[in-house]
């Protein structure tokens, strides 16, 4: 009887290990397919506080406990504008599950242009303003669009340079894995 019990626990443990390794491999494969650069060492995302379009101050710490897609964009950046609708669809799909999308505009000029894009694309996720580009500099943004994946623990999980189809099945699975 003891021999059966030991064998059962060994087989159960091996099955669990195989499932965990398979899940990690699938997770890594999704990151690769989405072109996500993983951090060499996980570190906390720099804290910031910016204003939204109605003048309210919003801090990164307001989203603690949520997985965050932090996107830097500008109205003059064509690829940025092209990915906004996909970001909205991703937010609609996973926002209630623990994903927050935050788009930081680095436009220096008239916020009315930004409001136009919000209305045009019916964006409901937070849009923050960084006209002095201090947050852009603290995140070492060189080109647009650039996005960071931030885990619920506040640490960087990945970096993406360039536009993506944020609502494709691979992206949705990748973010679902990060949320869970």
Protein backbone atom coordinates (compact mmCIF):
# COMPACT_ATOMS: atom_id res chain seq x y z
CA UNK A 1 0.00 0.00 0.00
CA UNK A 2 2.82 2.39 0.91
CA UNK A 3 4.53 1.60 -2.40
CA UNK A 4 1.41 2.62 -4.37
CA UNK A 5 1.09 5.82 -2.37
CA UNK A 6 4.73 6.76 -3.02
CA UNK A 7 4.39 5.98 -6.71
CA UNK A 8 1.19 8.07 -6.88
CA UNK A 9 2.88 11.10 -5.32
CA UNK A 10 5.95 10.77 -7.55
CA UNK A 11 3.81 10.58 -10.69
CA UNK A 12 1.63 13.46 -9.52
CA UNK A 13 4.69 15.61 -8.83
CA UNK A 14 6.18 14.80 -12.22
CA UNK A 15 2.92 15.65 -13.98
CA UNK A 16 2.72 18.97 -12.15
CA UNK A 17 6.33 19.81 -13.05
CA UNK A 18 5.71 19.00 -16.72
CA UNK A 19 2.61 21.21 -16.74
CA UNK A 20 4.52 24.08 -15.14
CA UNK A 21 7.43 23.78 -17.57
CA UNK A 22 5.04 23.59 -20.51
CA UNK A 23 3.24 26.70 -19.30
CA UNK A 24 6.52 28.61 -18.90
CA UNK A 25 7.62 27.56 -22.40
CA UNK A 26 4.30 28.69 -23.88
CA UNK A 27 4.61 31.97 -21.97
CA UNK A 28 8.13 32.53 -23.37
CA UNK A 29 6.95 31.59 -26.87
CA UNK A 30 4.17 34.23 -26.72
CA UNK A 31 6.68 36.86 -25.57
CA UNK A 32 8.95 35.93 -28.48
CA UNK A 33 6.12 36.07 -31.02
CA UNK A 34 5.08 39.51 -29.76
CA UNK A 35 8.68 40.77 -29.91
CA UNK A 36 8.93 41.37 -26.18
CA UNK A 37 12.44 41.96 -24.85
CA UNK A 38 12.71 40.52 -21.36
CA UNK A 39 14.60 42.41 -18.66
CA UNK A 40 17.94 40.89 -17.69
CA UNK A 41 16.97 41.47 -14.09
CA UNK A 42 13.49 42.34 -12.87
CA UNK A 43 13.33 45.77 -11.31
CA UNK A 44 10.58 48.13 -10.27
CA UNK A 45 9.17 50.50 -12.86
CA UNK A 46 10.03 54.14 -12.09
CA UNK A 47 7.21 55.89 -10.27
CA UNK A 48 5.62 58.90 -11.94
CA UNK A 49 2.75 61.32 -11.55
CA UNK A 50 1.23 62.99 -14.63
CA UNK A 51 -1.96 64.85 -15.41
CA UNK A 52 -4.73 63.50 -17.55
CA UNK A 53 -6.69 65.64 -20.00
CA UNK A 54 -9.04 67.00 -17.32
CA UNK A 55 -6.12 68.01 -15.10
CA UNK A 56 -6.29 65.22 -12.51
CA UNK A 57 -2.95 63.91 -11.26
CA UNK A 58 -2.49 60.19 -11.88
CA UNK A 59 0.38 58.13 -10.47
CA UNK A 60 1.65 54.72 -11.52
CA UNK A 61 1.11 53.54 -7.94
CA UNK A 62 -2.65 54.07 -8.49
CA UNK A 63 -2.55 50.88 -10.57
CA UNK A 64 -0.69 48.74 -8.04
CA UNK A 65 -1.91 45.14 -8.09
CA UNK A 66 -2.79 45.30 -11.80
CA UNK A 67 -0.84 44.23 -14.85
CA UNK A 68 -0.06 47.36 -16.87
CA UNK A 69 0.61 47.97 -20.54
CA UNK A 70 2.41 51.33 -20.40
CA UNK A 71 2.55 52.87 -23.86
CA UNK A 72 4.39 56.01 -24.98
CA UNK A 73 2.97 57.70 -28.07
CA UNK A 74 2.41 61.02 -29.86
CA UNK A 75 -0.20 62.40 -32.26
CA UNK A 76 2.44 62.92 -34.96
CA UNK A 77 3.50 59.24 -34.83
CA UNK A 78 1.61 57.27 -37.50
CA UNK A 79 2.36 53.77 -36.07
CA UNK A 80 1.20 55.05 -32.66
CA UNK A 81 -2.15 56.10 -34.09
CA UNK A 82 -2.49 52.78 -35.92
CA UNK A 83 -2.11 50.73 -32.73
CA UNK A 84 -4.52 52.77 -30.56
CA UNK A 85 -7.68 50.92 -31.71
CA UNK A 86 -6.06 47.53 -30.97
CA UNK A 87 -5.04 48.77 -27.52
CA UNK A 88 -8.65 49.77 -26.89
CA UNK A 89 -9.91 46.33 -27.94
CA UNK A 90 -7.32 44.66 -25.66
CA UNK A 91 -8.44 46.90 -22.80
CA UNK A 92 -12.08 46.06 -23.46
CA UNK A 93 -11.23 42.34 -23.51
CA UNK A 94 -9.04 42.16 -20.38
CA UNK A 95 -9.61 45.38 -18.42
CA UNK A 96 -12.11 43.75 -16.09
CA UNK A 97 -9.67 40.86 -15.49
CA UNK A 98 -6.86 43.01 -14.10
CA UNK A 99 -5.17 44.63 -17.12
CA UNK A 100 -4.70 48.38 -17.19
CA UNK A 101 -3.63 50.19 -20.34
CA UNK A 102 -1.98 53.57 -19.77
CA UNK A 103 -1.00 55.68 -22.78
CA UNK A 104 1.40 58.55 -22.16
CA UNK A 105 1.39 61.24 -24.82
CA UNK A 106 4.69 63.05 -25.22
CA UNK A 107 3.12 65.78 -27.36
CA UNK A 108 4.37 69.22 -26.34
CA UNK A 109 1.63 71.25 -27.95
CA UNK A 110 -2.10 71.56 -27.98
CA UNK A 111 -3.96 68.88 -25.95
CA UNK A 112 -6.95 69.35 -28.29
CA UNK A 113 -5.15 67.13 -30.82
CA UNK A 114 -4.95 64.38 -28.20
CA UNK A 115 -8.64 64.82 -27.35
CA UNK A 116 -9.41 64.42 -31.06
CA UNK A 117 -7.72 61.01 -31.12
CA UNK A 118 -9.46 59.89 -27.95
CA UNK A 119 -12.80 60.77 -29.52
CA UNK A 120 -11.90 59.37 -32.96
CA UNK A 121 -10.84 55.98 -31.56
CA UNK A 122 -13.31 55.97 -28.65
CA UNK A 123 -10.50 55.37 -26.14
CA UNK A 124 -11.56 54.61 -22.59
CA UNK A 125 -8.22 53.77 -20.96
CA UNK A 126 -6.19 56.48 -19.16
CA UNK A 127 -4.33 58.94 -21.38
CA UNK A 128 -1.69 60.92 -19.51
CA UNK A 129 0.29 63.96 -20.62
CA UNK A 130 4.08 64.26 -20.51
CA UNK A 131 4.70 67.55 -22.39
CA UNK A 132 8.05 68.11 -20.63
CA UNK A 133 8.99 64.50 -21.49
CA UNK A 134 10.40 63.85 -18.02
CA UNK A 135 8.71 60.45 -17.71
CA UNK A 136 9.78 59.56 -21.26
CA UNK A 137 13.38 60.27 -20.23
CA UNK A 138 13.11 58.26 -17.00
CA UNK A 139 11.93 55.27 -19.07
CA UNK A 140 14.71 55.80 -21.66
CA UNK A 141 12.30 56.10 -24.59
CA UNK A 142 14.20 56.72 -27.83
CA UNK A 143 11.55 55.93 -30.46
CA UNK A 144 7.79 55.72 -30.69
CA UNK A 145 5.70 53.82 -30.03
CA UNK A 146 7.38 52.12 -27.11
CA UNK A 147 5.64 50.00 -24.50
CA UNK A 148 6.51 48.42 -21.19
CA UNK A 149 4.81 45.44 -19.60
CA UNK A 150 4.59 45.93 -15.84
CA UNK A 151 3.49 43.13 -13.54
CA UNK A 152 1.03 43.42 -10.69
CA UNK A 153 4.07 43.59 -8.39
CA UNK A 154 5.19 46.83 -10.10
CA UNK A 155 8.24 45.33 -11.80
CA UNK A 156 9.15 45.30 -15.48
CA UNK A 157 8.16 42.11 -17.29
CA UNK A 158 9.08 43.22 -20.78
CA UNK A 159 9.82 46.00 -23.26
CA UNK A 160 8.46 46.47 -26.78
CA UNK A 161 9.72 48.90 -29.37
CA UNK A 162 7.35 49.58 -32.26
CA UNK A 163 3.65 49.12 -32.92
CA UNK A 164 1.85 45.84 -32.23
CA UNK A 165 -1.55 44.30 -32.86
CA UNK A 166 -2.41 44.29 -29.19
CA UNK A 167 -5.72 42.47 -29.65
CA UNK A 168 -4.44 39.41 -31.51
CA UNK A 169 -4.88 35.99 -29.82
CA UNK A 170 -1.18 35.71 -28.90
CA UNK A 171 -1.22 39.11 -27.18
CA UNK A 172 -4.42 38.29 -25.32
CA UNK A 173 -2.93 34.99 -24.12
CA UNK A 174 0.32 36.73 -23.13
CA UNK A 175 -1.51 39.34 -21.05
CA UNK A 176 -3.84 36.71 -19.57
CA UNK A 177 -0.76 34.79 -18.40
CA UNK A 178 0.73 37.97 -16.90
CA UNK A 179 -2.53 38.72 -15.08
CA UNK A 180 -2.68 35.20 -13.66
